[in-house]
């Protein structure tokens, strides 16, 4: 029944997608494709994402949190998290060089 789908999000027991034939947001049972419902119609919709408190990772603190001086992770320009949220790398904007302290840009 549905020929062209764009974007796909999964949340709980449902798939959410955009029907590119008529730009409607569809919800359907993720296990058997039944219970198809059109939730809304949006012009130029191409992607869909689910934002809900339970889908967000809870992080109490990470290495790029602002220090007491408001600098992210103690970096003067840019703080990049590593694969471990407790580690970070400082980088500089274009035209600057990272200082020997690994945090300040000159």
Protein backbone atom coordinates (compact mmCIF):
# COMPACT_ATOMS: atom_id res chain seq x y z
CA UNK A 1 0.00 0.00 0.00
CA UNK A 2 2.89 2.37 0.67
CA UNK A 3 5.35 2.72 -2.22
CA UNK A 4 7.95 5.30 -1.18
CA UNK A 5 9.28 5.80 2.32
CA UNK A 6 11.88 8.33 3.51
CA UNK A 7 13.56 8.22 6.87
CA UNK A 8 12.79 5.69 9.54
CA UNK A 9 12.66 5.88 13.31
CA UNK A 10 11.91 3.09 15.75
CA UNK A 11 10.41 3.74 19.16
CA UNK A 12 8.81 1.16 21.42
CA UNK A 13 6.43 -0.99 19.35
CA UNK A 14 6.21 1.34 16.35
CA UNK A 15 8.05 2.39 13.21
CA UNK A 16 7.73 6.03 12.20
CA UNK A 17 8.40 7.05 8.61
CA UNK A 18 7.64 9.68 5.99
CA UNK A 19 5.52 8.59 3.03
CA UNK A 20 7.20 10.53 0.22
CA UNK A 21 4.15 10.12 -2.05
CA UNK A 22 2.06 12.52 0.05
CA UNK A 23 4.56 13.72 2.75
CA UNK A 24 2.56 12.23 5.58
CA UNK A 25 4.10 10.95 8.80
CA UNK A 26 3.14 7.31 9.29
CA UNK A 27 3.18 5.10 12.35
CA UNK A 28 2.91 1.32 12.09
CA UNK A 29 3.41 -1.74 14.22
CA UNK A 30 7.11 -2.63 13.99
CA UNK A 31 6.55 -6.37 14.27
CA UNK A 32 3.89 -7.05 11.67
CA UNK A 33 3.20 -3.77 9.78
CA UNK A 34 -0.39 -3.54 10.97
CA UNK A 35 -2.10 -0.57 12.64
CA UNK A 36 -0.85 1.94 10.02
CA UNK A 37 -1.84 5.46 11.00
CA UNK A 38 -1.19 8.78 9.30
CA UNK A 39 -0.23 11.18 12.09
CA UNK A 40 0.39 14.43 10.21
CA UNK A 41 1.28 15.94 6.85
CA UNK A 42 4.38 18.13 6.51
CA UNK A 43 5.64 19.92 3.42
CA UNK A 44 9.16 18.90 2.37
CA UNK A 45 9.51 16.22 5.06
CA UNK A 46 12.40 13.89 4.25
CA UNK A 47 13.53 12.57 7.62
CA UNK A 48 12.04 11.72 10.97
CA UNK A 49 13.54 11.40 14.45
CA UNK A 50 12.03 10.49 17.79
CA UNK A 51 12.92 12.71 20.73
CA UNK A 52 11.68 11.44 24.04
CA UNK A 53 13.31 11.49 27.45
CA UNK A 54 13.59 7.69 27.58
CA UNK A 55 15.48 7.57 24.26
CA UNK A 56 18.19 10.02 25.39
CA UNK A 57 21.34 8.80 27.07
CA UNK A 58 21.67 10.19 30.58
CA UNK A 59 25.16 11.55 31.17
CA UNK A 60 25.83 13.19 34.51
CA UNK A 61 29.15 14.69 33.50
CA UNK A 62 31.63 14.52 30.67
CA UNK A 63 35.10 15.76 29.84
CA UNK A 64 33.86 18.73 27.76
CA UNK A 65 31.67 20.29 30.43
CA UNK A 66 32.44 23.96 30.99
CA UNK A 67 35.05 24.66 33.64
CA UNK A 68 34.60 27.46 36.26
CA UNK A 69 35.81 29.98 33.64
CA UNK A 70 33.23 28.84 31.07
CA UNK A 71 35.75 27.06 28.86
CA UNK A 72 34.51 23.69 27.50
CA UNK A 73 36.69 20.99 29.05
CA UNK A 74 39.25 23.65 29.86
CA UNK A 75 39.92 24.14 26.14
CA UNK A 76 40.24 27.69 24.88
CA UNK A 77 38.48 26.94 21.56
CA UNK A 78 37.04 23.51 20.79
CA UNK A 79 36.60 20.43 22.99
CA UNK A 80 36.12 17.03 21.32
CA UNK A 81 34.92 14.04 23.32
CA UNK A 82 36.70 10.76 22.69
CA UNK A 83 34.91 7.42 22.55
CA UNK A 84 35.09 7.48 26.35
CA UNK A 85 33.05 10.42 27.71
CA UNK A 86 35.70 10.96 30.41
CA UNK A 87 38.45 11.78 27.89
CA UNK A 88 38.70 14.78 25.57
CA UNK A 89 40.98 16.46 23.06
CA UNK A 90 41.31 20.21 22.59
CA UNK A 91 41.45 21.67 19.09
CA UNK A 92 41.79 25.19 17.70
CA UNK A 93 39.79 27.17 15.18
CA UNK A 94 41.35 27.76 11.77
CA UNK A 95 44.38 30.02 11.95
CA UNK A 96 45.33 29.07 15.51
CA UNK A 97 47.85 26.56 16.85
CA UNK A 98 47.39 24.42 19.95
CA UNK A 99 49.77 25.42 22.72
CA UNK A 100 52.15 23.10 24.54
CA UNK A 101 49.65 22.80 27.42
CA UNK A 102 47.26 20.97 25.04
CA UNK A 103 44.42 23.35 25.98
CA UNK A 104 45.14 26.90 24.84
CA UNK A 105 45.25 28.16 21.27
CA UNK A 106 47.66 30.80 20.01
